[in-house]
Amino acid sequence: MKTAINLKNINKLAIPATIAGIAEPLLSITDTAIVGNIPVDGLESLAAAGIVGSFLSMLIWILGQTRSAISAIISQYLGAGKLEDVQSLPAQAIYLNIGLSIVILLSTIFIVEEIFELLNASGKILQYCISYYSIRVWGFPLTLFVFAIMGIFRGLQNTYWPMMIAIVGAVVNVVLDVVLVFGIKGWIQPLYLEGAAYASLIAQVVMAVMAFVLLLTKTNISLRFTLPIHPQLGRLVIMSLNLFVRAIALNTAMILAVREATAMGDRYIGAHTIAINIWLFSAFFIDGYGAAGNIMGGRLLGARDYKGLWELSKKIVLYGSCISLVLMVLAFTFYYPIGSVFSKETIVLQTFYGIFFIVILGLPVNTVAFVLDGLFKGLGEMRYLRNTLLFATFLGFVPMLFFGKYMNWGLTGIWLAFSVWMLIRGGALVWKFRRKFRPLLDI
């Protein structure tokens, strides 16, 4: 059956995908907002949460790429009417991914101090990083498990259940953050930064259990590992490896930014932590239309509906741009109140307000990059996504970052580097899509 490309069908996927997509950044934003208001060592706690959050995001993004690969393959087989041919693939992919995550988890917990020293953490901030990470890291395999199941649902053109998983996880995290960080007088002692870590871990456990139950009850996909190895597993691994390299390039930019901001001092890493959490929140908010492109694009490609694919690309960019404009208006309107949500430290807020406008003005460019990025994943164009990120990071972001450092631009230089990074990413995807699919419109 031909897929109708209209606002209703796109929003049917995009709106739940948006809500599901903001789960992880919402967890980080909640931690940042609450941790930034801790009455004891609030500035050090905020800096530690930002450093650890960036490192964990790197690990999750690097190994979480299987989600996109699973979604792309399932949606393409669905479009071609051959869904039954990939029944055994998801379980094999999930077991492979979880196994890798456990290996990485066990390898990092023994060198955790050295890891955060490399990120310029020292003294009290380093000790807070170690205690916070030592708790939160155990949720790492659970998050990857949830991501993989969300990828299965997306491939099946269903974003409703991933949304429900995300909502439940976010609510659990917010409630436990308040309870465990600040405590309840006479009942629970305040745990401060460690309380935020436990809140996130428990939320991840709840999400994993919920995802497991929904997969068993709402789909025909089994998590029982069966042989022989599915012939598409090799393709999935190659796609995931390309996205793995891409994620390393992406997180090189993120980690370098954190490292440089940390080296500038506590006020700068505190301000950068607030800015990057808002940036990530807006990214995942806009990415709902990228998810719709991912889901519908794979199905349209599998059905060889190139005209539908072209129409889809135009509409998701348009709708995503409308969302980014709304976010820009809201951000400029509440410019100062937004900062005060995350911290009461005047010196941190002054630094943040000095670069927040750069974050806001970059939203339209980010929209093009994020939306087309999702579409390209659905089309299986992982190799091009890899090359784009490598180029944007090492020939765009890194030179601009160190040029800004040389010019003593401070945090402004870091966020100008992000702007150059996103401009290259978005421009390269527009060029490639037009070059590859425009000639196919007459077929």
Protein backbone atom coordinates (compact mmCIF):
# COMPACT_ATOMS: atom_id res chain seq x y z
CA MET A 1 0.00 0.00 0.00
CA LYS A 2 1.39 3.41 -0.99
CA THR A 3 2.41 5.68 1.87
CA ALA A 4 0.60 9.05 1.86
CA ILE A 5 3.01 11.96 2.37
CA ASN A 6 0.97 14.52 4.29
CA LEU A 7 1.09 16.48 7.53
CA LYS A 8 -1.20 14.06 9.34
CA ASN A 9 0.87 10.95 8.58
CA ILE A 10 4.17 12.71 9.21
CA ASN A 11 2.98 14.14 12.53
CA LYS A 12 1.58 10.76 13.51
CA LEU A 13 5.18 9.56 13.58
CA ALA A 14 7.00 12.82 14.33
CA ILE A 15 5.11 13.95 17.44
CA PRO A 16 5.50 10.70 19.40
CA ALA A 17 9.10 10.42 18.11
CA THR A 18 9.81 13.93 19.38
CA ILE A 19 8.53 13.06 22.84
CA ALA A 20 10.50 9.79 22.84
CA GLY A 21 13.61 11.48 21.47
CA ILE A 22 13.84 14.08 24.22
CA ALA A 23 13.87 11.42 26.96
CA GLU A 24 17.66 11.23 27.31
CA PRO A 25 18.34 15.00 27.08
CA LEU A 26 15.40 15.58 29.43
CA LEU A 27 17.06 13.28 31.95
CA SER A 28 20.27 15.28 31.59
CA ILE A 29 18.47 18.63 31.75
CA THR A 30 16.61 17.52 34.89
CA ASP A 31 19.88 16.50 36.50
CA THR A 32 21.49 19.79 35.44
CA ALA A 33 18.65 21.97 36.74
CA ILE A 34 18.39 20.16 40.07
CA VAL A 35 22.12 19.61 40.58
CA GLY A 36 22.78 23.29 39.80
CA ASN A 37 20.61 24.18 42.80
CA ILE A 38 22.27 21.86 45.31
CA PRO A 39 22.97 23.95 48.45
CA VAL A 40 26.36 22.29 49.13
CA ASP A 41 29.05 22.59 46.42
CA GLY A 42 26.44 23.38 43.77
CA LEU A 43 28.95 24.78 41.25
CA GLU A 44 31.27 21.77 41.58
CA SER A 45 28.32 19.37 41.35
CA LEU A 46 27.05 21.10 38.20
CA ALA A 47 30.49 20.91 36.59
CA ALA A 48 30.81 17.19 37.46
CA ALA A 49 27.34 16.39 36.11
CA GLY A 50 28.23 18.17 32.86
CA ILE A 51 31.54 16.33 32.42
CA VAL A 52 30.10 12.90 33.22
CA GLY A 53 26.97 13.56 31.18
CA SER A 54 29.07 14.41 28.12
CA PHE A 55 31.18 11.27 28.51
CA LEU A 56 28.16 9.00 28.98
CA SER A 57 26.41 10.60 26.01
CA MET A 58 29.48 9.80 23.95
CA LEU A 59 29.35 6.12 24.96
CA ILE A 60 25.60 5.89 24.36
CA TRP A 61 25.76 7.61 20.96
CA ILE A 62 28.68 5.47 19.82
CA LEU A 63 27.11 2.11 20.67
CA GLY A 64 23.49 3.22 20.28
CA GLN A 65 23.82 3.37 16.50
CA THR A 66 22.40 -0.14 16.14
CA ARG A 67 18.99 1.46 16.71
CA SER A 68 19.19 3.37 13.44
CA ALA A 69 20.55 0.36 11.54
CA ILE A 70 17.78 -1.94 12.82
CA SER A 71 15.13 0.67 12.03
CA ALA A 72 16.47 1.22 8.49
CA ILE A 73 16.59 -2.48 7.60
CA ILE A 74 13.18 -3.32 9.08
CA SER A 75 11.47 -0.33 7.43
CA GLN A 76 13.00 -1.16 4.03
CA TYR A 77 11.87 -4.78 4.28
CA LEU A 78 8.43 -3.58 5.37
CA GLY A 79 8.22 -1.31 2.31
CA ALA A 80 9.23 -4.21 0.07
CA GLY A 81 6.59 -6.47 1.67
CA LYS A 82 9.19 -8.93 3.04
CA LEU A 83 9.04 -8.29 6.78
CA GLU A 84 8.93 -12.00 7.63
CA ASP A 85 12.44 -12.36 6.18
CA VAL A 86 14.03 -10.41 9.05
CA GLN A 87 12.31 -11.94 12.10
CA SER A 88 15.50 -13.33 13.66
CA LEU A 89 17.68 -10.25 13.01
CA PRO A 90 16.66 -7.95 15.91
CA ALA A 91 17.53 -10.45 18.66
CA GLN A 92 20.94 -11.17 17.15
CA ALA A 93 21.67 -7.45 16.87
CA ILE A 94 20.54 -6.71 20.43
CA TYR A 95 22.66 -9.46 21.98
CA LEU A 96 25.69 -8.27 20.04
CA ASN A 97 25.15 -4.68 21.14
CA ILE A 98 24.55 -5.47 24.81
CA GLY A 99 27.64 -7.69 24.87
CA LEU A 100 29.80 -4.85 23.57
CA SER A 101 28.30 -2.42 26.08
CA ILE A 102 29.16 -4.70 29.00
CA VAL A 103 32.76 -5.02 27.79
CA ILE A 104 33.09 -1.23 27.57
CA LEU A 105 31.41 -0.73 30.95
CA LEU A 106 33.78 -3.14 32.69
CA SER A 107 36.80 -1.59 30.96
CA THR A 108 35.97 1.97 32.04
CA ILE A 109 35.14 1.46 35.71
CA PHE A 110 38.76 0.57 36.50
CA ILE A 111 40.22 3.72 34.90
CA VAL A 112 37.46 6.17 35.70
CA GLU A 113 39.79 8.62 37.50
CA GLU A 114 42.18 8.73 34.53
CA ILE A 115 39.28 9.28 32.11
CA PHE A 116 38.05 12.39 33.88
CA GLU A 117 41.55 13.71 34.48
CA LEU A 118 41.92 13.68 30.69
CA LEU A 119 38.85 15.91 30.59
CA ASN A 120 40.67 18.37 32.89
CA ALA A 121 38.65 17.50 36.00
CA SER A 122 40.61 17.90 39.23
CA GLY A 123 40.18 18.29 42.98
CA LYS A 124 36.63 18.24 44.28
CA ILE A 125 35.13 18.19 40.76
CA LEU A 126 37.12 15.03 39.94
CA GLN A 127 35.89 13.28 43.09
CA TYR A 128 32.29 14.22 42.28
CA CYS A 129 32.78 12.94 38.71
CA ILE A 130 33.99 9.57 39.99
CA SER A 131 31.11 9.08 42.45
CA TYR A 132 28.46 10.24 39.96
CA TYR A 133 29.80 8.11 37.09
CA SER A 134 30.25 5.00 39.27
CA ILE A 135 26.49 4.94 39.81
CA ARG A 136 25.13 6.14 36.47
CA VAL A 137 27.33 3.89 34.32
CA TRP A 138 25.35 0.77 35.31
CA GLY A 139 22.41 2.11 33.37
CA PHE A 140 24.49 2.18 30.19
CA PRO A 141 23.60 -1.36 28.91
CA LEU A 142 19.96 -0.75 29.85
CA THR A 143 19.83 2.42 27.77
CA LEU A 144 21.27 0.61 24.75
CA PHE A 145 18.72 -2.17 25.20
CA VAL A 146 15.91 0.39 25.22
CA PHE A 147 17.36 2.16 22.18
CA ALA A 148 17.46 -1.10 20.21
CA ILE A 149 13.83 -1.90 21.01
CA MET A 150 12.83 1.64 20.04
CA GLY A 151 14.60 1.00 16.72
CA ILE A 152 12.48 -2.11 16.18
CA PHE A 153 9.27 -0.19 16.84
CA ARG A 154 10.40 2.60 14.50
CA GLY A 155 11.11 0.12 11.73
CA LEU A 156 7.57 -1.14 12.18
CA GLN A 157 6.32 2.47 11.69
CA ASN A 158 5.31 2.75 15.34
CA THR A 159 6.52 5.64 17.48
CA TYR A 160 3.71 5.47 20.05
CA TRP A 161 5.23 2.83 22.32
CA PRO A 162 8.69 4.42 22.32
CA MET A 163 6.93 7.63 23.37
CA MET A 164 5.21 5.87 26.29
CA ILE A 165 8.50 4.34 27.42
CA ALA A 166 10.13 7.77 27.32
CA ILE A 167 7.31 9.49 29.22
CA VAL A 168 7.35 6.94 32.03
CA GLY A 169 11.14 7.12 32.29
CA ALA A 170 11.15 10.92 32.36
CA VAL A 171 8.45 11.12 35.05
CA VAL A 172 10.20 8.55 37.23
CA ASN A 173 13.49 10.40 36.85
CA VAL A 174 12.07 13.83 37.70
CA VAL A 175 10.23 12.60 40.80
CA LEU A 176 13.22 10.63 42.09
CA ASP A 177 15.58 13.54 41.33
CA VAL A 178 13.65 15.81 43.68
CA VAL A 179 13.24 13.14 46.35
CA LEU A 180 16.78 11.75 46.35
CA VAL A 181 18.78 14.94 45.73
CA PHE A 182 17.05 17.15 48.33
CA GLY A 183 15.54 14.40 50.50
CA ILE A 184 12.32 14.39 52.49
CA LYS A 185 12.64 15.76 56.00
CA GLY A 186 12.25 13.01 58.56
CA TRP A 187 12.14 10.30 55.90
CA ILE A 188 15.00 10.45 53.38
CA GLN A 189 18.38 12.10 53.83
CA PRO A 190 19.47 14.31 50.91
CA LEU A 191 22.00 12.50 48.70
CA TYR A 192 22.79 15.56 46.54
CA LEU A 193 24.77 14.59 43.40
CA GLU A 194 24.65 10.86 44.11
CA GLY A 195 20.87 11.15 44.45
CA ALA A 196 20.67 12.47 40.87
CA ALA A 197 22.74 9.51 39.70
CA TYR A 198 20.49 6.99 41.46
CA ALA A 199 17.39 8.70 40.06
CA SER A 200 18.69 8.31 36.49
CA LEU A 201 19.72 4.68 37.07
CA ILE A 202 16.33 3.67 38.49
CA ALA A 203 14.54 5.44 35.61
CA GLN A 204 16.66 3.47 33.12
CA VAL A 205 15.75 0.19 34.85
CA VAL A 206 12.04 1.04 34.62
CA MET A 207 12.34 1.94 30.93
CA ALA A 208 14.20 -1.30 30.12
CA VAL A 209 11.57 -3.47 31.82
CA MET A 210 8.76 -1.60 30.09
CA ALA A 211 10.46 -1.88 26.68
CA PHE A 212 10.95 -5.63 27.14
CA VAL A 213 7.30 -6.21 28.08
CA LEU A 214 5.97 -4.07 25.21
CA LEU A 215 8.14 -5.83 22.63
CA LEU A 216 6.81 -9.21 23.77
CA THR A 217 3.16 -8.15 23.93
CA LYS A 218 2.84 -5.65 21.04
CA THR A 219 4.95 -7.23 18.28
CA ASN A 220 5.74 -10.61 16.79
CA ILE A 221 9.48 -9.98 17.25
CA SER A 222 11.19 -12.52 19.51
CA LEU A 223 14.26 -11.85 21.64
CA ARG A 224 15.20 -15.52 21.56
CA PHE A 225 18.62 -15.92 19.95
CA THR A 226 18.43 -18.39 17.06
CA LEU A 227 20.85 -19.71 14.48
CA PRO A 228 21.89 -19.49 11.74
CA ILE A 229 23.20 -15.94 11.71
CA HIS A 230 20.88 -13.78 9.62
CA PRO A 231 22.43 -12.73 6.28
CA GLN A 232 21.48 -9.09 6.98
CA LEU A 233 23.46 -9.07 10.24
CA GLY A 234 26.64 -8.38 8.27
CA ARG A 235 25.01 -5.38 6.59
CA LEU A 236 23.70 -4.20 9.95
CA VAL A 237 27.17 -4.47 11.48
CA ILE A 238 28.73 -2.48 8.60
CA MET A 239 26.02 0.17 8.90
CA SER A 240 26.56 0.28 12.66
CA LEU A 241 30.35 0.51 12.24
CA ASN A 242 29.96 3.46 9.87
CA LEU A 243 27.70 5.12 12.41
CA PHE A 244 30.16 4.08 15.13
CA VAL A 245 32.96 6.00 13.40
CA ARG A 246 30.54 8.86 12.77
CA ALA A 247 29.61 8.94 16.46
CA ILE A 248 33.28 9.02 17.43
CA ALA A 249 33.76 12.05 15.20
CA LEU A 250 30.62 13.65 16.62
CA ASN A 251 31.68 13.03 20.20
CA THR A 252 35.21 14.19 19.48
CA ALA A 253 33.67 17.60 18.96
CA MET A 254 31.55 17.30 22.11
CA ILE A 255 34.40 16.10 24.32
CA LEU A 256 36.89 18.66 22.97
CA ALA A 257 34.35 21.39 23.75
CA VAL A 258 33.93 20.09 27.32
CA ARG A 259 37.69 19.78 27.74
CA GLU A 260 38.35 23.33 26.57
CA ALA A 261 35.51 24.76 28.65
CA THR A 262 36.74 22.87 31.73
CA ALA A 263 40.26 24.26 31.22
CA MET A 264 38.84 27.80 31.26
CA GLY A 265 37.50 27.38 34.80
CA ASP A 266 34.44 26.37 36.83
CA ARG A 267 32.23 29.25 35.62
CA TYR A 268 32.85 28.29 31.98
CA ILE A 269 32.19 24.56 32.28
CA GLY A 270 29.08 25.40 34.32
CA ALA A 271 27.82 27.77 31.59
CA HIS A 272 28.77 25.32 28.85
CA THR A 273 26.90 22.53 30.65
CA ILE A 274 23.71 24.61 30.64
CA ALA A 275 24.17 25.60 26.97
CA ILE A 276 24.92 22.08 25.72
CA ASN A 277 21.91 20.64 27.54
CA ILE A 278 19.63 23.23 25.94
CA TRP A 279 21.28 22.57 22.56
CA LEU A 280 20.73 18.82 22.91
CA PHE A 281 17.15 19.31 24.07
CA SER A 282 16.35 21.46 21.03
CA ALA A 283 18.18 18.97 18.78
CA PHE A 284 16.07 16.05 19.92
CA PHE A 285 12.95 18.21 19.79
CA ILE A 286 13.57 19.06 16.14
CA ASP A 287 14.74 15.52 15.45
CA GLY A 288 11.15 14.25 15.66
CA TYR A 289 10.79 15.11 11.98
CA GLY A 290 14.13 13.47 11.33
CA ALA A 291 12.70 10.34 12.94
CA ALA A 292 9.63 10.56 10.70
CA GLY A 293 11.98 10.87 7.71
CA ASN A 294 13.95 7.89 8.97
CA ILE A 295 10.86 5.73 9.35
CA MET A 296 8.95 6.76 6.22
CA GLY A 297 12.08 7.21 4.08
CA GLY A 298 13.19 3.62 4.54
CA ARG A 299 9.74 2.33 3.64
CA LEU A 300 9.51 4.56 0.55
CA LEU A 301 12.96 3.47 -0.59
CA GLY A 302 12.01 -0.18 -0.12
CA ALA A 303 8.92 0.44 -2.28
CA ARG A 304 11.04 2.43 -4.83
CA ASP A 305 8.70 5.41 -4.46
CA TYR A 306 11.24 8.14 -5.33
CA LYS A 307 8.66 10.86 -5.91
CA GLY A 308 7.22 10.20 -2.48
CA LEU A 309 10.72 10.31 -1.02
CA TRP A 310 11.42 13.70 -2.63
CA GLU A 311 8.12 15.08 -1.35
CA LEU A 312 8.85 13.70 2.11
CA SER A 313 12.24 15.45 2.26
CA LYS A 314 10.73 18.84 1.48
CA LYS A 315 7.91 18.51 3.97
CA ILE A 316 9.94 17.29 6.93
CA VAL A 317 12.45 20.13 6.46
CA LEU A 318 9.57 22.63 6.28
CA TYR A 319 7.80 21.28 9.36
CA GLY A 320 11.06 21.01 11.30
CA SER A 321 11.92 24.61 10.39
CA CYS A 322 8.58 25.80 11.76
CA ILE A 323 9.35 24.06 15.06
CA SER A 324 12.81 25.65 15.21
CA LEU A 325 11.34 29.12 14.65
CA VAL A 326 8.92 28.59 17.53
CA LEU A 327 11.83 27.48 19.74
CA MET A 328 13.81 30.59 18.72
CA VAL A 329 10.97 32.92 19.66
CA LEU A 330 10.48 31.19 23.01
CA ALA A 331 14.21 31.19 23.77
CA PHE A 332 14.64 34.90 23.05
CA THR A 333 11.45 35.73 24.96
CA PHE A 334 12.58 33.83 28.07
CA TYR A 335 16.31 34.45 27.58
CA TYR A 336 17.11 35.21 31.22
CA PRO A 337 14.53 33.02 33.03
CA ILE A 338 15.82 29.95 31.14
CA GLY A 339 19.30 30.38 32.59
CA SER A 340 18.05 30.87 36.14
CA VAL A 341 16.28 27.49 35.99
CA PHE A 342 19.64 25.74 35.83
CA SER A 343 21.76 27.70 38.29
CA LYS A 344 21.64 30.45 40.89
CA GLU A 345 25.37 31.18 40.55
CA THR A 346 25.56 34.75 39.17
CA ILE A 347 29.01 34.23 37.66
CA VAL A 348 27.84 31.11 35.78
CA LEU A 349 24.70 32.83 34.49
CA GLN A 350 26.61 35.89 33.25
CA THR A 351 28.91 33.61 31.26
CA PHE A 352 25.97 31.62 29.90
CA TYR A 353 24.03 34.70 28.79
CA GLY A 354 27.10 35.81 26.83
CA ILE A 355 26.84 32.83 24.45
CA PHE A 356 23.18 31.75 24.61
CA PHE A 357 22.26 33.88 21.58
CA ILE A 358 24.68 31.83 19.43
CA VAL A 359 22.88 28.63 20.47
CA ILE A 360 19.53 30.16 19.52
CA LEU A 361 20.58 31.62 16.17
CA GLY A 362 21.98 28.25 15.10
CA LEU A 363 18.61 26.48 15.35
CA PRO A 364 17.51 26.84 11.67
CA VAL A 365 20.79 25.38 10.39
CA ASN A 366 20.59 22.63 13.00
CA THR A 367 17.11 21.77 11.75
CA VAL A 368 18.29 21.02 8.21
CA ALA A 369 21.18 18.92 9.49
CA PHE A 370 19.17 16.92 12.06
CA VAL A 371 16.14 16.29 9.84
CA LEU A 372 18.15 15.15 6.82
CA ASP A 373 20.43 13.14 9.08
CA GLY A 374 17.42 11.10 10.20
CA LEU A 375 16.24 10.67 6.60
CA PHE A 376 19.69 9.47 5.47
CA LYS A 377 19.75 6.87 8.25
CA GLY A 378 16.44 5.48 7.03
CA LEU A 379 17.87 5.29 3.51
CA GLY A 380 20.86 3.32 4.77
CA GLU A 381 23.33 6.05 3.72
CA MET A 382 25.56 5.42 6.74
CA ARG A 383 28.85 5.67 4.84
CA TYR A 384 28.07 9.19 3.60
CA LEU A 385 26.93 10.24 7.08
CA ARG A 386 30.25 8.95 8.42
CA ASN A 387 32.30 10.89 5.87
CA THR A 388 30.26 14.06 6.43
CA LEU A 389 30.88 14.00 10.18
CA LEU A 390 34.58 13.29 9.74
CA PHE A 391 34.91 16.24 7.36
CA ALA A 392 32.78 18.58 9.49
CA THR A 393 34.61 17.70 12.70
CA PHE A 394 38.25 17.61 11.64
CA LEU A 395 38.18 20.22 8.87
CA GLY A 396 35.51 22.47 10.36
CA PHE A 397 34.96 22.21 14.11
CA VAL A 398 38.50 21.46 15.31
CA PRO A 399 40.25 24.22 13.31
CA MET A 400 37.60 26.75 14.36
CA LEU A 401 37.82 25.65 18.00
CA PHE A 402 41.57 26.17 18.21
CA PHE A 403 41.43 29.36 16.16
CA GLY A 404 38.97 30.69 18.74
CA LYS A 405 41.33 29.57 21.51
CA TYR A 406 44.24 31.33 19.79
CA MET A 407 42.15 34.51 19.51
CA ASN A 408 41.11 34.27 23.19
CA TRP A 409 37.41 34.21 22.35
CA GLY A 410 36.67 32.00 25.34
CA LEU A 411 33.33 30.19 25.34
CA THR A 412 32.23 32.21 22.30
CA GLY A 413 34.93 30.48 20.25
CA ILE A 414 33.61 27.05 21.26
CA TRP A 415 30.07 27.88 20.18
CA LEU A 416 31.20 29.48 16.92
CA ALA A 417 32.97 26.18 16.23
CA PHE A 418 29.65 24.39 16.79
CA SER A 419 28.01 26.77 14.29
CA VAL A 420 30.61 25.99 11.60
CA TRP A 421 30.23 22.28 12.36
CA MET A 422 26.48 22.27 11.85
CA LEU A 423 26.65 24.43 8.71
CA ILE A 424 28.97 21.92 7.03
CA ARG A 425 26.82 18.97 8.12
CA GLY A 426 23.57 20.44 6.83
CA GLY A 427 25.03 21.71 3.56
CA ALA A 428 26.65 18.37 2.70
CA LEU A 429 23.39 16.46 3.24
CA VAL A 430 21.34 18.86 1.08
CA TRP A 431 23.89 18.55 -1.74
CA LYS A 432 24.00 14.73 -1.60
CA PHE A 433 20.23 14.22 -1.46
CA ARG A 434 19.57 16.50 -4.43
CA ARG A 435 22.39 14.93 -6.46
CA LYS A 436 21.29 11.34 -5.83
CA PHE A 437 17.49 11.44 -5.81
CA ARG A 438 16.49 14.30 -8.10
CA PRO A 439 17.51 12.32 -11.25
CA LEU A 440 15.32 9.42 -10.04
CA LEU A 441 12.09 11.45 -10.05
CA ASP A 442 11.29 10.53 -13.66
CA ILE A 443 11.82 6.80 -13.15
